[in-house]
Amino acid sequence: MKLSPSIEALIEGLRHLPGVGPKSAQRMTLHLLERDREGA
């Protein structure tokens, strides 16, 4: 899946958190975007 550079940067930033790998970081990012779209 091709993602925008800003989304890639967020994923990379989340990967620096302890215990967060690349797949978890991507899932967290997509979850945050979905919440934002819902107006939460």
N, C-alpha and C. Protein backbone atom coordinates (compact mmCIF):
# COMPACT_ATOMS: atom_id res chain seq x y z
N MET A 1 0.86 -1.17 0.00
CA MET A 1 0.00 0.00 0.00
C MET A 1 0.90 1.24 0.00
N LYS A 2 0.63 2.16 -0.92
CA LYS A 2 1.40 3.40 -1.03
C LYS A 2 0.77 4.45 -0.13
N LEU A 3 1.57 4.98 0.80
CA LEU A 3 1.09 5.98 1.75
C LEU A 3 1.81 7.30 1.51
N SER A 4 1.17 8.38 1.93
CA SER A 4 1.77 9.70 1.77
C SER A 4 2.99 9.84 2.69
N PRO A 5 3.90 10.74 2.34
CA PRO A 5 5.10 10.92 3.17
C PRO A 5 4.79 11.31 4.61
N SER A 6 3.74 12.09 4.84
CA SER A 6 3.41 12.48 6.22
C SER A 6 2.92 11.28 7.03
N ILE A 7 2.17 10.40 6.40
CA ILE A 7 1.71 9.19 7.09
C ILE A 7 2.89 8.27 7.36
N GLU A 8 3.79 8.14 6.39
CA GLU A 8 4.99 7.34 6.60
C GLU A 8 5.82 7.88 7.77
N ALA A 9 5.89 9.21 7.88
CA ALA A 9 6.65 9.83 8.98
C ALA A 9 6.01 9.52 10.33
N LEU A 10 4.68 9.53 10.39
CA LEU A 10 3.99 9.20 11.64
C LEU A 10 4.24 7.74 12.01
N ILE A 11 4.17 6.85 11.03
CA ILE A 11 4.45 5.44 11.29
C ILE A 11 5.87 5.27 11.82
N GLU A 12 6.81 5.94 11.20
CA GLU A 12 8.21 5.85 11.64
C GLU A 12 8.37 6.39 13.06
N GLY A 13 7.68 7.47 13.37
CA GLY A 13 7.74 8.03 14.71
C GLY A 13 7.17 7.08 15.75
N LEU A 14 6.06 6.45 15.44
CA LEU A 14 5.45 5.50 16.38
C LEU A 14 6.32 4.26 16.58
N ARG A 15 7.09 3.89 15.57
CA ARG A 15 7.96 2.72 15.68
C ARG A 15 9.04 2.91 16.73
N HIS A 16 9.34 4.15 17.09
CA HIS A 16 10.37 4.40 18.10
C HIS A 16 9.85 4.17 19.52
N LEU A 17 8.56 4.00 19.67
CA LEU A 17 8.01 3.71 21.00
C LEU A 17 8.38 2.28 21.40
N PRO A 18 8.62 2.05 22.69
CA PRO A 18 8.97 0.70 23.14
C PRO A 18 7.86 -0.30 22.83
N GLY A 19 8.24 -1.42 22.26
CA GLY A 19 7.31 -2.50 21.99
C GLY A 19 6.45 -2.31 20.76
N VAL A 20 6.69 -1.28 19.97
CA VAL A 20 5.89 -1.02 18.77
C VAL A 20 6.74 -1.34 17.55
N GLY A 21 6.26 -2.33 16.79
CA GLY A 21 6.95 -2.70 15.55
C GLY A 21 6.30 -2.02 14.36
N PRO A 22 6.77 -2.33 13.17
CA PRO A 22 6.26 -1.66 11.97
C PRO A 22 4.77 -1.91 11.72
N LYS A 23 4.33 -3.13 11.93
CA LYS A 23 2.92 -3.44 11.67
C LYS A 23 2.01 -2.76 12.69
N SER A 24 2.41 -2.78 13.96
CA SER A 24 1.62 -2.10 15.00
C SER A 24 1.57 -0.60 14.76
N ALA A 25 2.69 -0.02 14.36
CA ALA A 25 2.74 1.42 14.09
C ALA A 25 1.80 1.78 12.94
N GLN A 26 1.77 0.95 11.91
CA GLN A 26 0.88 1.21 10.78
C GLN A 26 -0.58 1.10 11.22
N ARG A 27 -0.90 0.09 12.01
CA ARG A 27 -2.27 -0.07 12.49
C ARG A 27 -2.71 1.10 13.35
N MET A 28 -1.82 1.56 14.24
CA MET A 28 -2.15 2.71 15.09
C MET A 28 -2.38 3.96 14.25
N THR A 29 -1.55 4.17 13.25
CA THR A 29 -1.70 5.34 12.38
C THR A 29 -3.03 5.30 11.65
N LEU A 30 -3.36 4.17 11.06
CA LEU A 30 -4.62 4.06 10.33
C LEU A 30 -5.82 4.21 11.26
N HIS A 31 -5.69 3.73 12.49
CA HIS A 31 -6.76 3.90 13.48
C HIS A 31 -6.95 5.38 13.81
N LEU A 32 -5.86 6.09 14.02
CA LEU A 32 -5.95 7.52 14.31
C LEU A 32 -6.60 8.28 13.16
N LEU A 33 -6.26 7.94 11.94
CA LEU A 33 -6.85 8.60 10.78
C LEU A 33 -8.35 8.31 10.69
N GLU A 34 -8.73 7.08 10.99
CA GLU A 34 -10.15 6.71 10.94
C GLU A 34 -10.93 7.46 12.01
N ARG A 35 -10.36 7.58 13.21
CA ARG A 35 -11.03 8.33 14.28
C ARG A 35 -11.20 9.79 13.90
N ASP A 36 -10.18 10.34 13.26
CA ASP A 36 -10.25 11.75 12.84
C ASP A 36 -11.35 11.94 11.79
N ARG A 37 -11.49 10.98 10.91
CA ARG A 37 -12.52 11.08 9.87
C ARG A 37 -13.92 10.99 10.47
N GLU A 38 -14.05 10.24 11.56
CA GLU A 38 -15.34 10.10 12.24
C GLU A 38 -15.66 11.31 13.10
N GLY A 39 -14.70 12.19 13.28
CA GLY A 39 -14.93 13.39 14.07
C GLY A 39 -14.70 13.20 15.56
N ALA A 40 -13.99 12.15 15.92
CA ALA A 40 -13.73 11.89 17.34
C ALA A 40 -12.59 12.71 17.85
